[in-house]
Protein backbone atom coordinates (compact mmCIF):
# COMPACT_ATOMS: atom_id res chain seq x y z
CA UNK A 1 26.10 -10.36 42.49
CA UNK A 2 24.86 -6.87 43.32
CA UNK A 3 23.34 -6.58 39.87
CA UNK A 4 21.67 -9.98 40.12
CA UNK A 5 20.23 -9.11 43.53
CA UNK A 6 18.87 -5.84 42.25
CA UNK A 7 17.51 -7.52 39.14
CA UNK A 8 15.49 -9.90 41.29
CA UNK A 9 14.32 -7.29 43.80
CA UNK A 10 13.12 -4.45 41.60
CA UNK A 11 11.92 -6.15 38.44
CA UNK A 12 11.22 -9.81 39.34
CA UNK A 13 13.47 -10.58 36.44
CA UNK A 14 17.71 -9.41 36.57
CA UNK A 15 21.26 -4.75 34.80
CA UNK A 16 20.45 -5.46 35.33
CA UNK A 17 19.28 -4.21 34.73
CA UNK A 18 18.72 -4.38 36.83
CA UNK A 19 21.01 -3.85 36.67
CA UNK A 20 24.24 -2.57 38.39
CA UNK A 21 27.36 -4.61 37.76
CA UNK A 22 30.70 -4.52 35.95
CA UNK A 23 31.28 -3.93 32.27
CA UNK A 24 32.34 -7.47 31.47
CA UNK A 25 35.48 -6.42 29.61
CA UNK A 26 33.91 -4.09 27.11
CA UNK A 27 36.27 -2.88 24.40
CA UNK A 28 34.66 0.47 23.74
CA UNK A 29 37.39 1.72 21.50
CA UNK A 30 37.14 -1.10 18.97
CA UNK A 31 33.33 -1.04 19.15
CA UNK A 32 33.10 2.66 18.44
CA UNK A 33 35.65 2.44 15.61
CA UNK A 34 33.77 -0.49 14.08
CA UNK A 35 30.53 1.48 14.19
CA UNK A 36 32.19 4.50 12.59
CA UNK A 37 33.74 2.38 9.83
CA UNK A 38 30.37 0.84 8.98
CA UNK A 39 28.66 4.22 8.90
CA UNK A 40 31.32 5.64 6.57
CA UNK A 41 30.97 2.67 4.27
CA UNK A 42 27.21 3.16 4.01
CA UNK A 43 27.56 6.89 3.34
CA UNK A 44 30.31 6.44 0.73
CA UNK A 45 28.48 3.81 -1.30
CA UNK A 46 24.99 5.20 -0.88
CA UNK A 47 23.81 1.68 -0.02
CA UNK A 48 21.41 0.73 2.74
CA UNK A 49 22.58 -0.58 6.12
CA UNK A 50 21.35 -4.06 5.11
CA UNK A 51 23.92 -4.17 2.30
CA UNK A 52 26.69 -3.87 4.91
CA UNK A 53 26.37 -7.59 5.57
CA UNK A 54 28.38 -9.70 5.98
CA UNK A 55 30.05 -7.77 8.79
CA UNK A 56 32.46 -8.60 11.58
CA UNK A 57 32.02 -6.92 14.95
CA UNK A 58 33.69 -7.15 18.36
CA UNK A 59 31.37 -7.76 21.29
CA UNK A 60 31.66 -6.92 24.99
CA UNK A 61 33.83 -9.97 25.68
CA UNK A 62 36.25 -9.12 22.87
CA UNK A 63 34.86 -11.91 20.69
CA UNK A 64 34.89 -11.27 16.95
CA UNK A 65 31.46 -12.12 15.59
CA UNK A 66 30.84 -12.44 11.85
CA UNK A 67 27.22 -11.99 10.79
CA UNK A 68 26.62 -13.06 7.21
CA UNK A 69 23.13 -11.70 6.63
CA UNK A 70 20.70 -9.28 8.24
CA UNK A 71 19.14 -11.29 11.11
CA UNK A 72 15.56 -12.35 10.54
CA UNK A 73 15.08 -14.37 13.75
CA UNK A 74 16.44 -12.89 16.99
CA UNK A 75 16.45 -14.08 20.60
CA UNK A 76 17.03 -11.54 23.38
CA UNK A 77 18.16 -12.84 26.77
CA UNK A 78 17.64 -9.67 28.83
CA UNK A 79 14.86 -7.04 28.99
CA UNK A 80 17.07 -4.06 28.10
CA UNK A 81 18.16 -5.71 24.84
CA UNK A 82 14.54 -6.49 24.06
CA UNK A 83 13.35 -2.92 24.63
CA UNK A 84 16.08 -1.59 22.39
CA UNK A 85 15.30 -4.14 19.67
CA UNK A 86 11.61 -3.26 19.68
CA UNK A 87 12.44 0.45 19.56
CA UNK A 88 14.56 -0.31 16.50
CA UNK A 89 11.48 -1.77 14.79
CA UNK A 90 12.54 -5.40 15.20
CA UNK A 91 9.38 -6.67 16.90
CA UNK A 92 8.61 -9.12 14.09
CA UNK A 93 12.16 -10.46 14.11
CA UNK A 94 12.16 -11.15 17.86
CA UNK A 95 11.19 -14.81 18.35
CA UNK A 96 12.31 -15.35 21.96
CA UNK A 97 12.68 -13.25 25.12
CA UNK A 98 13.60 -13.83 28.76
CA UNK A 99 11.10 -14.80 31.43
CA UNK A 100 11.54 -11.31 32.92
CA UNK A 101 10.60 -9.28 29.84
CA UNK A 102 7.57 -7.09 30.41
CA UNK A 103 7.81 -4.29 27.81
CA UNK A 104 6.47 -3.56 25.30
CA UNK A 105 3.10 -5.33 25.46
CA UNK A 106 4.01 -7.45 22.43
CA UNK A 107 6.59 -9.43 24.42
CA UNK A 108 3.72 -11.38 25.98
CA UNK A 109 3.30 -13.11 22.64
CA UNK A 110 6.94 -14.16 22.38
CA UNK A 111 8.43 -17.52 23.38
CA UNK A 112 10.12 -17.48 26.81
CA UNK A 113 13.68 -18.78 26.94
CA UNK A 114 14.34 -18.77 30.70
CA UNK A 115 15.48 -16.28 33.27
CA UNK A 116 18.92 -15.95 34.80
CA UNK A 117 19.50 -19.49 33.50
CA UNK A 118 18.76 -19.72 29.80
CA UNK A 119 16.99 -22.75 28.38
CA UNK A 120 19.44 -23.58 25.62
CA UNK A 121 17.23 -26.26 24.10
CA UNK A 122 14.35 -23.81 23.70
CA UNK A 123 16.63 -21.19 22.14
CA UNK A 124 18.01 -23.67 19.62
CA UNK A 125 14.49 -24.87 18.79
CA UNK A 126 13.56 -21.31 17.81
CA UNK A 127 16.24 -21.41 15.09
CA UNK A 128 17.49 -17.86 15.63
CA UNK A 129 20.00 -16.17 13.35
CA UNK A 130 21.22 -14.04 16.23
CA UNK A 131 21.17 -14.21 20.04
CA UNK A 132 21.55 -10.87 21.82
CA UNK A 133 23.33 -11.77 25.06
CA UNK A 134 24.53 -9.36 27.76
CA UNK A 135 27.81 -8.80 29.58
CA UNK A 136 26.10 -8.75 32.99
CA UNK A 137 25.27 -12.45 32.72
CA UNK A 138 27.72 -13.65 30.08
CA UNK A 139 30.31 -14.97 32.53
CA UNK A 140 27.83 -17.21 34.32
CA UNK A 141 26.35 -18.29 30.98
CA UNK A 142 29.59 -19.07 29.14
CA UNK A 143 28.84 -22.74 28.67
CA UNK A 144 25.35 -22.11 27.33
CA UNK A 145 26.50 -19.35 24.99
CA UNK A 146 29.19 -21.64 23.62
CA UNK A 147 26.57 -24.32 22.98
CA UNK A 148 24.68 -21.79 20.89
CA UNK A 149 27.81 -20.89 18.94
CA UNK A 150 28.57 -24.59 18.39
CA UNK A 151 25.05 -24.94 16.99
CA UNK A 152 25.88 -22.36 14.32
CA UNK A 153 24.01 -19.48 15.95
CA UNK A 154 25.58 -16.01 16.00
CA UNK A 155 25.91 -14.72 19.59
CA UNK A 156 26.60 -11.06 20.24
CA UNK A 157 27.26 -9.96 23.83
CA UNK A 158 26.04 -6.39 24.36
CA UNK A 159 28.14 -4.39 26.81
CA UNK A 160 26.86 -3.69 30.33
CA UNK A 161 25.85 -0.03 30.25
CA UNK A 162 26.30 1.76 33.56
CA UNK A 163 25.39 5.29 32.52
CA UNK A 164 23.59 7.27 29.87
CA UNK A 165 26.52 7.30 27.44
CA UNK A 166 26.81 3.55 27.85
CA UNK A 167 23.14 3.22 26.96
CA UNK A 168 23.74 5.11 23.73
CA UNK A 169 26.53 2.66 22.96
CA UNK A 170 24.25 -0.35 23.58
CA UNK A 171 21.63 1.04 21.23
CA UNK A 172 24.25 1.64 18.54
CA UNK A 173 25.70 -1.85 19.00
CA UNK A 174 22.35 -3.57 18.61
CA UNK A 175 21.53 -1.31 15.69
CA UNK A 176 24.75 -2.29 13.97
CA UNK A 177 24.40 -6.07 14.29
CA UNK A 178 20.75 -5.98 13.21
CA UNK A 179 21.15 -3.69 10.22
CA UNK A 180 19.21 -0.83 11.82
CA UNK A 181 22.02 1.67 12.38
CA UNK A 182 20.10 4.62 11.00
CA UNK A 183 17.18 4.00 13.35
CA UNK A 184 19.61 3.57 16.26
CA UNK A 185 21.17 6.93 15.48
CA UNK A 186 17.71 8.52 15.42
CA UNK A 187 16.85 7.03 18.82
CA UNK A 188 20.10 8.26 20.38
CA UNK A 189 19.59 11.71 18.89
CA UNK A 190 16.06 11.85 20.25
CA UNK A 191 17.20 10.78 23.72
CA UNK A 192 19.88 13.47 23.77
CA UNK A 193 17.31 16.10 22.83
CA UNK A 194 14.93 14.90 25.56
CA UNK A 195 17.63 14.92 28.22
CA UNK A 196 18.75 18.38 27.12
CA UNK A 197 15.18 19.65 27.35
CA UNK A 198 14.75 18.27 30.87
CA UNK A 199 18.08 19.70 31.98
CA UNK A 200 17.26 23.10 30.50
CA UNK A 201 13.97 23.17 32.35
CA UNK A 202 15.74 22.18 35.58
CA UNK A 203 18.01 25.19 35.29
CA UNK A 204 15.19 27.08 37.00
CA UNK A 205 16.36 25.37 40.21
CA UNK A 206 18.75 27.65 42.06
CA UNK A 207 21.68 26.31 44.09
CA UNK A 208 19.78 27.09 47.29
CA UNK A 209 16.80 25.09 46.03
CA UNK A 210 18.70 21.95 44.97
CA UNK A 211 17.39 18.88 46.77
CA UNK A 212 19.22 15.79 47.92
CA UNK A 213 17.63 12.51 46.91
CA UNK A 214 18.07 9.05 48.40
CA UNK A 215 17.22 6.08 46.18
CA UNK A 216 16.07 2.94 47.98
CA UNK A 217 16.34 0.16 45.44
CA UNK A 218 15.53 -2.68 47.83
CA UNK A 219 13.50 -2.55 51.04
CA UNK A 220 14.36 -3.17 54.68
CA UNK A 221 15.87 -5.13 56.24
CA UNK A 222 18.42 -5.35 53.41
CA UNK A 223 18.36 -1.81 52.07
CA UNK A 224 20.39 -1.12 48.94
CA UNK A 225 20.98 2.25 47.36
CA UNK A 226 22.54 3.72 44.23
CA UNK A 227 25.70 5.78 44.59
CA UNK A 228 27.84 7.31 41.89
CA UNK A 229 28.42 5.44 38.61
CA UNK A 230 24.79 4.34 38.37
CA UNK A 231 21.85 5.34 36.20
CA UNK A 232 20.13 6.85 39.20
CA UNK A 233 23.03 9.20 39.84
CA UNK A 234 23.22 10.16 36.16
CA UNK A 235 19.50 10.93 36.03
CA UNK A 236 19.77 13.10 39.13
CA UNK A 237 22.43 15.13 37.37
CA UNK A 238 20.04 15.66 34.47
CA UNK A 239 17.34 17.06 36.78
CA UNK A 240 19.81 19.16 38.80
CA UNK A 241 19.43 17.26 42.07
CA UNK A 242 22.05 15.80 44.41
CA UNK A 243 22.51 12.13 45.22
CA UNK A 244 22.42 11.74 49.01
CA UNK A 245 24.62 8.65 48.55
CA UNK A 246 27.11 10.32 46.20
CA UNK A 247 30.06 9.29 48.39
CA UNK A 248 29.24 5.64 47.72
CA UNK A 249 30.09 3.81 44.51
CA UNK A 250 27.69 1.64 42.58
CA UNK A 251 24.86 -0.42 44.03
CA UNK A 252 25.58 -0.94 47.72
CA UNK A 253 23.93 -2.06 50.97
CA UNK A 254 23.43 0.67 53.52
CA UNK A 255 22.52 0.87 57.19
CA UNK A 256 19.37 2.83 58.18
CA UNK A 257 21.44 4.91 60.59
CA UNK A 258 23.65 6.04 57.70
CA UNK A 259 20.55 7.16 55.82
CA UNK A 260 19.42 9.17 58.83
CA UNK A 261 22.76 10.95 58.85
CA UNK A 262 22.35 11.80 55.16
CA UNK A 263 18.96 13.38 55.99
CA UNK A 264 17.76 13.50 52.35
CA UNK A 265 15.11 15.92 51.19
CA UNK A 266 13.45 13.27 49.04
CA UNK A 267 13.36 9.47 49.17
CA UNK A 268 12.56 7.55 46.00
CA UNK A 269 11.82 3.82 46.17
CA UNK A 270 11.91 1.67 43.05
CA UNK A 271 10.31 -1.59 44.13
CA UNK A 272 6.62 -0.74 44.16
CA UNK A 273 5.88 -3.51 41.67
CA UNK A 274 7.05 -6.16 44.13
CA UNK A 275 6.25 -4.69 47.56
CA UNK A 276 2.88 -3.38 48.69
CA UNK A 277 2.76 0.31 49.59
CA UNK A 278 6.51 1.01 49.85
CA UNK A 279 5.92 4.70 50.57
CA UNK A 280 3.88 3.90 53.68
CA UNK A 281 6.52 1.46 54.89
CA UNK A 282 9.26 4.09 54.60
CA UNK A 283 7.13 6.79 56.22
CA UNK A 284 6.41 4.53 59.21
CA UNK A 285 9.98 3.44 59.89
CA UNK A 286 11.04 3.75 63.51
CA UNK A 287 13.25 6.76 64.19
CA UNK A 288 12.76 8.35 60.77
CA UNK A 289 10.10 10.86 61.75
CA UNK A 290 12.49 13.82 61.90
CA UNK A 291 14.19 13.07 58.58
CA UNK A 292 13.46 15.87 56.08
CA UNK A 293 11.96 13.54 53.48
CA UNK A 294 9.65 11.84 55.97
CA UNK A 295 8.74 14.96 57.96
CA UNK A 296 7.80 16.78 54.74
CA UNK A 297 6.13 13.71 53.21
CA UNK A 298 8.55 13.67 50.29
CA UNK A 299 8.66 9.90 49.77
CA UNK A 300 7.71 8.49 46.36
CA UNK A 301 7.86 5.32 44.34
CA UNK A 302 8.85 5.32 40.67
CA UNK A 303 8.84 2.36 38.24
CA UNK A 304 12.17 0.58 38.45
CA UNK A 305 12.25 -0.26 34.75
CA UNK A 306 12.22 3.41 33.76
CA UNK A 307 15.20 4.41 35.89
CA UNK A 308 17.39 1.32 35.87
CA UNK A 309 16.97 -0.37 32.50
CA UNK A 310 19.47 0.86 29.89
CA UNK A 311 17.26 1.68 26.97
CA UNK A 312 15.21 4.37 25.24
CA UNK A 313 12.82 4.78 28.19
CA UNK A 314 15.52 6.27 30.43
CA UNK A 315 14.29 9.70 29.35
CA UNK A 316 10.88 8.82 30.78
CA UNK A 317 12.66 7.83 33.99
CA UNK A 318 14.33 11.23 34.17
CA UNK A 319 10.94 12.91 33.78
CA UNK A 320 9.43 10.79 36.56
CA UNK A 321 12.26 11.72 38.92
CA UNK A 322 11.98 15.39 37.98
CA UNK A 323 8.24 15.39 38.73
CA UNK A 324 8.65 14.06 42.27
CA UNK A 325 11.75 16.08 43.15
CA UNK A 326 10.68 19.41 41.64
CA UNK A 327 6.91 19.15 41.09
CA UNK A 328 6.51 22.92 41.01
CA UNK A 329 8.66 23.01 37.87
CA UNK A 330 7.82 19.77 36.15
CA UNK A 331 4.13 19.31 36.82
CA UNK A 332 2.33 19.07 33.50
């Protein structure tokens, strides 16, 4: 429920990303082993990834899915899956996306298949070879997903990434079931290099200079924040900053008085696309004038999609956070 609430608040669409819920029973061990086995097969035979079909994979719900041929028509039910698929070069293969998809620009030309409730009839009418579902919504969509399976459509439930490593896994999973494993490996490698570069640059921040950051992922009166075990927390670690809500776990509601006690150096809101002038609203809150972030005018809004959607653009999210937390180091 927390993830669904956040999805609706920050993106007008969800792991949600956004995003921020349980893993949905992901079997990471079998997934990783399956990926390794496929990679070894490709290297040993010298064949392309496409020749690996048919293949049998285990999805986030422990379902064994057999895919006979490289998918040529794909439906994605969540924005993070869509972004990954496009990054893998599958734009032409994508025939349907969720109502909440907004990136890349090409998604505007794709058929919409519903939001939190999928339109099963529309999906079936698109005649997809593969539906990329997601563990964050799979439980509530069980009946619909089964209808798709009964119609002869392959359904693969991507695991619900909650951190950077989980994002790498999602990219590899989608790469595997779409025959684009090599491209997926390149994307993951590039992300790791980008994160390493940001972290190396942030090493210029001394322990005395480290700032505490409070993320406000939904506005008053129902303020939610991101504690540990969230993308926000992981990105703060990359930029060498502290999460003011590090004692909390996951995506949680928080009282304004508790935020005052945290006295963060920086406040970052992530709902500027749905609320007018969020920075001004935070700056003008009653009783917050003496808070470090407000007193020093260190309140900023960053695009929610960049910092909460598990996909290749997370590195851009890290850069955006770095710029507002340590502008003297990261200003271009």
